[in-house]
Amino acid sequence: MLEKKLNRDAGNLSYSEKSKLYSQSSVALSKEISDTYETWTEEKIAARQKELAKIAKRVWRVEGL
């Protein structure tokens, strides 16, 4: 999730270049990517997905589940 201009600038850049743009984001979850990860591998994406799922589960509780 990047702001429109940053997303457009990111295009097909490598992660190391995109990371610089993520660090400029005003979206905390996006900024956190560049602050936390030096590389962006499938394993790291999967781990982040699990972490975001935990956050979502706490935020959007559904009664009866």
PDB file of N, CA and C in Angstrom:
ATOM      1  N   MET A   1       0.844  -1.166   0.000  1.00  0.00           N
ATOM      2  CA  MET A   1       0.000   0.000   0.000  1.00  0.00           C
ATOM      3  C   MET A   1       0.892   1.232   0.000  1.00  0.00           C
ATOM      4  N   LEU A   2       0.929   1.869  -1.104  1.00  0.00           N
ATOM      5  CA  LEU A   2       1.696   3.106  -1.229  1.00  0.00           C
ATOM      6  C   LEU A   2       0.789   4.193  -1.773  1.00  0.00           C
ATOM      7  N   GLU A   3       1.126   5.407  -1.448  1.00  0.00           N
ATOM      8  CA  GLU A   3       0.415   6.527  -2.018  1.00  0.00           C
ATOM      9  C   GLU A   3       0.590   6.492  -3.535  1.00  0.00           C
ATOM     10  N   LYS A   4      -0.338   7.093  -4.231  1.00  0.00           N
ATOM     11  CA  LYS A   4      -0.387   7.022  -5.690  1.00  0.00           C
ATOM     12  C   LYS A   4       0.960   7.346  -6.345  1.00  0.00           C
ATOM     13  N   LYS A   5       1.569   8.456  -5.980  1.00  0.00           N
ATOM     14  CA  LYS A   5       2.834   8.858  -6.612  1.00  0.00           C
ATOM     15  C   LYS A   5       3.949   7.872  -6.295  1.00  0.00           C
ATOM     16  N   LEU A   6       4.055   7.470  -5.025  1.00  0.00           N
ATOM     17  CA  LEU A   6       5.099   6.524  -4.655  1.00  0.00           C
ATOM     18  C   LEU A   6       4.902   5.194  -5.379  1.00  0.00           C
ATOM     19  N   ASN A   7       3.673   4.744  -5.483  1.00  0.00           N
ATOM     20  CA  ASN A   7       3.386   3.495  -6.173  1.00  0.00           C
ATOM     21  C   ASN A   7       3.774   3.590  -7.641  1.00  0.00           C
ATOM     22  N   ARG A   8       3.456   4.701  -8.248  1.00  0.00           N
ATOM     23  CA  ARG A   8       3.805   4.906  -9.655  1.00  0.00           C
ATOM     24  C   ARG A   8       5.321   4.919  -9.819  1.00  0.00           C
ATOM     25  N   ASP A   9       6.016   5.592  -8.910  1.00  0.00           N
ATOM     26  CA  ASP A   9       7.478   5.659  -8.977  1.00  0.00           C
ATOM     27  C   ASP A   9       8.119   4.286  -8.742  1.00  0.00           C
ATOM     28  N   ALA A  10       7.486   3.468  -7.918  1.00  0.00           N
ATOM     29  CA  ALA A  10       8.037   2.153  -7.591  1.00  0.00           C
ATOM     30  C   ALA A  10       8.036   1.230  -8.804  1.00  0.00           C
ATOM     31  N   GLY A  11       6.954   1.278  -9.569  1.00  0.00           N
ATOM     32  CA  GLY A  11       6.870   0.477 -10.786  1.00  0.00           C
ATOM     33  C   GLY A  11       7.474  -0.905 -10.644  1.00  0.00           C
ATOM     34  N   ASN A  12       8.440  -1.212 -11.479  1.00  0.00           N
ATOM     35  CA  ASN A  12       9.097  -2.519 -11.480  1.00  0.00           C
ATOM     36  C   ASN A  12      10.512  -2.448 -10.910  1.00  0.00           C
ATOM     37  N   LEU A  13      10.741  -1.521  -9.994  1.00  0.00           N
ATOM     38  CA  LEU A  13      12.065  -1.399  -9.393  1.00  0.00           C
ATOM     39  C   LEU A  13      12.387  -2.617  -8.542  1.00  0.00           C
ATOM     40  N   SER A  14      13.649  -2.809  -8.274  1.00  0.00           N
ATOM     41  CA  SER A  14      14.058  -3.890  -7.374  1.00  0.00           C
ATOM     42  C   SER A  14      13.607  -3.552  -5.954  1.00  0.00           C
ATOM     43  N   TYR A  15      13.591  -4.567  -5.085  1.00  0.00           N
ATOM     44  CA  TYR A  15      13.161  -4.312  -3.709  1.00  0.00           C
ATOM     45  C   TYR A  15      14.040  -3.264  -3.035  1.00  0.00           C
ATOM     46  N   SER A  16      15.342  -3.306  -3.259  1.00  0.00           N
ATOM     47  CA  SER A  16      16.215  -2.340  -2.592  1.00  0.00           C
ATOM     48  C   SER A  16      15.859  -0.902  -2.980  1.00  0.00           C
ATOM     49  N   GLU A  17      15.440  -0.704  -4.222  1.00  0.00           N
ATOM     50  CA  GLU A  17      15.015   0.626  -4.659  1.00  0.00           C
ATOM     51  C   GLU A  17      13.616   0.945  -4.135  1.00  0.00           C
ATOM     52  N   LYS A  18      12.717  -0.022  -4.167  1.00  0.00           N
ATOM     53  CA  LYS A  18      11.358   0.197  -3.656  1.00  0.00           C
ATOM     54  C   LYS A  18      11.382   0.486  -2.169  1.00  0.00           C
ATOM     55  N   SER A  19      12.306  -0.140  -1.466  1.00  0.00           N
ATOM     56  CA  SER A  19      12.413   0.045  -0.022  1.00  0.00           C
ATOM     57  C   SER A  19      12.587   1.523   0.329  1.00  0.00           C
ATOM     58  N   LYS A  20      13.327   2.229  -0.481  1.00  0.00           N
ATOM     59  CA  LYS A  20      13.524   3.666  -0.261  1.00  0.00           C
ATOM     60  C   LYS A  20      12.201   4.420  -0.373  1.00  0.00           C
ATOM     61  N   LEU A  21      11.352   3.983  -1.293  1.00  0.00           N
ATOM     62  CA  LEU A  21      10.048   4.619  -1.463  1.00  0.00           C
ATOM     63  C   LEU A  21       9.109   4.245  -0.317  1.00  0.00           C
ATOM     64  N   TYR A  22       9.166   2.972   0.107  1.00  0.00           N
ATOM     65  CA  TYR A  22       8.346   2.549   1.239  1.00  0.00           C
ATOM     66  C   TYR A  22       8.695   3.357   2.486  1.00  0.00           C
ATOM     67  N   SER A  23       9.950   3.693   2.656  1.00  0.00           N
ATOM     68  CA  SER A  23      10.354   4.465   3.840  1.00  0.00           C
ATOM     69  C   SER A  23       9.763   5.875   3.837  1.00  0.00           C
ATOM     70  N   GLN A  24       9.329   6.346   2.676  1.00  0.00           N
ATOM     71  CA  GLN A  24       8.733   7.682   2.565  1.00  0.00           C
ATOM     72  C   GLN A  24       7.218   7.666   2.759  1.00  0.00           C
ATOM     73  N   SER A  25       6.646   6.499   2.842  1.00  0.00           N
ATOM     74  CA  SER A  25       5.193   6.373   2.921  1.00  0.00           C
ATOM     75  C   SER A  25       4.651   6.913   4.237  1.00  0.00           C
ATOM     76  N   SER A  26       3.466   7.476   4.177  1.00  0.00           N
ATOM     77  CA  SER A  26       2.788   7.921   5.398  1.00  0.00           C
ATOM     78  C   SER A  26       1.918   6.801   5.973  1.00  0.00           C
ATOM     79  N   VAL A  27       1.855   5.663   5.267  1.00  0.00           N
ATOM     80  CA  VAL A  27       1.098   4.497   5.728  1.00  0.00           C
ATOM     81  C   VAL A  27       2.031   3.657   6.602  1.00  0.00           C
ATOM     82  N   ALA A  28       1.703   3.559   7.881  1.00  0.00           N
ATOM     83  CA  ALA A  28       2.587   2.891   8.836  1.00  0.00           C
ATOM     84  C   ALA A  28       2.922   1.456   8.429  1.00  0.00           C
ATOM     85  N   LEU A  29       1.932   0.702   7.974  1.00  0.00           N
ATOM     86  CA  LEU A  29       2.187  -0.687   7.575  1.00  0.00           C
ATOM     87  C   LEU A  29       3.146  -0.772   6.394  1.00  0.00           C
ATOM     88  N   SER A  30       3.099   0.195   5.519  1.00  0.00           N
ATOM     89  CA  SER A  30       4.013   0.212   4.373  1.00  0.00           C
ATOM     90  C   SER A  30       5.411   0.637   4.804  1.00  0.00           C
ATOM     91  N   LYS A  31       5.489   1.675   5.603  1.00  0.00           N
ATOM     92  CA  LYS A  31       6.777   2.163   6.088  1.00  0.00           C
ATOM     93  C   LYS A  31       7.500   1.079   6.871  1.00  0.00           C
ATOM     94  N   GLU A  32       6.738   0.297   7.611  1.00  0.00           N
ATOM     95  CA  GLU A  32       7.306  -0.773   8.418  1.00  0.00           C
ATOM     96  C   GLU A  32       8.081  -1.780   7.568  1.00  0.00           C
ATOM     97  N   ILE A  33       7.677  -1.982   6.327  1.00  0.00           N
ATOM     98  CA  ILE A  33       8.366  -2.930   5.453  1.00  0.00           C
ATOM     99  C   ILE A  33       9.826  -2.519   5.287  1.00  0.00           C
ATOM    100  N   SER A  34      10.064  -1.276   4.948  1.00  0.00           N
ATOM    101  CA  SER A  34      11.445  -0.845   4.737  1.00  0.00           C
ATOM    102  C   SER A  34      12.216  -0.756   6.047  1.00  0.00           C
ATOM    103  N   ASP A  35      11.511  -0.480   7.137  1.00  0.00           N
ATOM    104  CA  ASP A  35      12.173  -0.393   8.440  1.00  0.00           C
ATOM    105  C   ASP A  35      12.559  -1.769   8.977  1.00  0.00           C
ATOM    106  N   THR A  36      11.854  -2.818   8.538  1.00  0.00           N
ATOM    107  CA  THR A  36      12.012  -4.148   9.122  1.00  0.00           C
ATOM    108  C   THR A  36      12.792  -5.117   8.244  1.00  0.00           C
ATOM    109  N   TYR A  37      12.633  -5.027   6.941  1.00  0.00           N
ATOM    110  CA  TYR A  37      13.186  -6.038   6.039  1.00  0.00           C
ATOM    111  C   TYR A  37      14.258  -5.473   5.124  1.00  0.00           C
ATOM    112  N   GLU A  38      15.454  -6.078   5.182  1.00  0.00           N
ATOM    113  CA  GLU A  38      16.517  -5.692   4.256  1.00  0.00           C
ATOM    114  C   GLU A  38      16.302  -6.335   2.894  1.00  0.00           C
ATOM    115  N   THR A  39      15.682  -7.513   2.908  1.00  0.00           N
ATOM    116  CA  THR A  39      15.338  -8.211   1.665  1.00  0.00           C
ATOM    117  C   THR A  39      13.871  -8.606   1.741  1.00  0.00           C
ATOM    118  N   TRP A  40      13.305  -8.941   0.614  1.00  0.00           N
ATOM    119  CA  TRP A  40      11.877  -9.274   0.549  1.00  0.00           C
ATOM    120  C   TRP A  40      11.752 -10.585  -0.209  1.00  0.00           C
ATOM    121  N   THR A  41      11.765 -11.685   0.546  1.00  0.00           N
ATOM    122  CA  THR A  41      11.728 -13.017  -0.036  1.00  0.00           C
ATOM    123  C   THR A  41      10.347 -13.636   0.165  1.00  0.00           C
ATOM    124  N   GLU A  42      10.113 -14.761  -0.475  1.00  0.00           N
ATOM    125  CA  GLU A  42       8.832 -15.456  -0.307  1.00  0.00           C
ATOM    126  C   GLU A  42       8.591 -15.807   1.153  1.00  0.00           C
ATOM    127  N   GLU A  43       9.639 -16.213   1.837  1.00  0.00           N
ATOM    128  CA  GLU A  43       9.508 -16.573   3.248  1.00  0.00           C
ATOM    129  C   GLU A  43       9.118 -15.366   4.098  1.00  0.00           C
ATOM    130  N   LYS A  44       9.710 -14.236   3.810  1.00  0.00           N
ATOM    131  CA  LYS A  44       9.400 -13.022   4.568  1.00  0.00           C
ATOM    132  C   LYS A  44       7.993 -12.518   4.258  1.00  0.00           C
ATOM    133  N   ILE A  45       7.587 -12.669   3.017  1.00  0.00           N
ATOM    134  CA  ILE A  45       6.223 -12.283   2.638  1.00  0.00           C
ATOM    135  C   ILE A  45       5.220 -13.168   3.376  1.00  0.00           C
ATOM    136  N   ALA A  46       5.493 -14.468   3.422  1.00  0.00           N
ATOM    137  CA  ALA A  46       4.596 -15.402   4.116  1.00  0.00           C
ATOM    138  C   ALA A  46       4.532 -15.081   5.610  1.00  0.00           C
ATOM    139  N   ALA A  47       5.672 -14.775   6.207  1.00  0.00           N
ATOM    140  CA  ALA A  47       5.707 -14.440   7.634  1.00  0.00           C
ATOM    141  C   ALA A  47       4.934 -13.153   7.899  1.00  0.00           C
ATOM    142  N   ARG A  48       5.096 -12.179   7.038  1.00  0.00           N
ATOM    143  CA  ARG A  48       4.364 -10.907   7.206  1.00  0.00           C
ATOM    144  C   ARG A  48       2.862 -11.135   7.032  1.00  0.00           C
ATOM    145  N   GLN A  49       2.493 -11.979   6.085  1.00  0.00           N
ATOM    146  CA  GLN A  49       1.084 -12.283   5.868  1.00  0.00           C
ATOM    147  C   GLN A  49       0.473 -12.877   7.137  1.00  0.00           C
ATOM    148  N   LYS A  50       1.184 -13.787   7.778  1.00  0.00           N
ATOM    149  CA  LYS A  50       0.694 -14.388   9.021  1.00  0.00           C
ATOM    150  C   LYS A  50       0.554 -13.339  10.111  1.00  0.00           C
ATOM    151  N   GLU A  51       1.527 -12.449  10.208  1.00  0.00           N
ATOM    152  CA  GLU A  51       1.476 -11.391  11.224  1.00  0.00           C
ATOM    153  C   GLU A  51       0.298 -10.454  10.967  1.00  0.00           C
ATOM    154  N   LEU A  52       0.079 -10.074   9.715  1.00  0.00           N
ATOM    155  CA  LEU A  52      -1.053  -9.199   9.381  1.00  0.00           C
ATOM    156  C   LEU A  52      -2.385  -9.896   9.643  1.00  0.00           C
ATOM    157  N   ALA A  53      -2.431 -11.207   9.418  1.00  0.00           N
ATOM    158  CA  ALA A  53      -3.649 -11.964   9.705  1.00  0.00           C
ATOM    159  C   ALA A  53      -3.958 -11.943  11.199  1.00  0.00           C
ATOM    160  N   LYS A  54      -2.928 -12.060  12.036  1.00  0.00           N
ATOM    161  CA  LYS A  54      -3.126 -11.983  13.486  1.00  0.00           C
ATOM    162  C   LYS A  54      -3.681 -10.620  13.888  1.00  0.00           C
ATOM    163  N   ILE A  55      -3.131  -9.578  13.286  1.00  0.00           N
ATOM    164  CA  ILE A  55      -3.602  -8.215  13.581  1.00  0.00           C
ATOM    165  C   ILE A  55      -5.056  -8.072  13.143  1.00  0.00           C
ATOM    166  N   ALA A  56      -5.356  -8.530  11.942  1.00  0.00           N
ATOM    167  CA  ALA A  56      -6.723  -8.428  11.421  1.00  0.00           C
ATOM    168  C   ALA A  56      -7.703  -9.172  12.317  1.00  0.00           C
ATOM    169  N   LYS A  57      -7.298 -10.319  12.794  1.00  0.00           N
ATOM    170  CA  LYS A  57      -8.167 -11.122  13.650  1.00  0.00           C
ATOM    171  C   LYS A  57      -8.491 -10.383  14.952  1.00  0.00           C
ATOM    172  N   ARG A  58      -7.513  -9.670  15.490  1.00  0.00           N
ATOM    173  CA  ARG A  58      -7.753  -8.890  16.713  1.00  0.00           C
ATOM    174  C   ARG A  58      -8.641  -7.680  16.446  1.00  0.00           C
ATOM    175  N   VAL A  59      -8.455  -7.054  15.297  1.00  0.00           N
ATOM    176  CA  VAL A  59      -9.181  -5.826  14.970  1.00  0.00           C
ATOM    177  C   VAL A  59     -10.614  -6.109  14.556  1.00  0.00           C
ATOM    178  N   TRP A  60     -10.810  -7.107  13.709  1.00  0.00           N
ATOM    179  CA  TRP A  60     -12.134  -7.401  13.173  1.00  0.00           C
ATOM    180  C   TRP A  60     -12.648  -8.715  13.740  1.00  0.00           C
ATOM    181  N   ARG A  61     -13.050  -8.674  14.989  1.00  0.00           N
ATOM    182  CA  ARG A  61     -13.602  -9.866  15.626  1.00  0.00           C
ATOM    183  C   ARG A  61     -15.029 -10.086  15.115  1.00  0.00           C
ATOM    184  N   VAL A  62     -15.343 -11.328  14.857  1.00  0.00           N
ATOM    185  CA  VAL A  62     -16.677 -11.703  14.407  1.00  0.00           C
ATOM    186  C   VAL A  62     -17.283 -12.572  15.502  1.00  0.00           C
ATOM    187  N   GLU A  63     -18.419 -12.123  16.004  1.00  0.00           N
ATOM    188  CA  GLU A  63     -19.090 -12.864  17.063  1.00  0.00           C
ATOM    189  C   GLU A  63     -19.479 -14.249  16.561  1.00  0.00           C
ATOM    190  N   GLY A  64     -19.297 -15.244  17.405  1.00  0.00           N
ATOM    191  CA  GLY A  64     -19.698 -16.594  17.056  1.00  0.00           C
ATOM    192  C   GLY A  64     -18.641 -17.401  16.341  1.00  0.00           C
ATOM    193  N   LEU A  65     -17.484 -16.816  16.079  1.00  0.00           N
ATOM    194  CA  LEU A  65     -16.398 -17.569  15.411  1.00  0.00           C
ATOM    195  C   LEU A  65     -15.283 -17.833  16.376  1.00  0.00           C
TER     196      LEU A  65
END
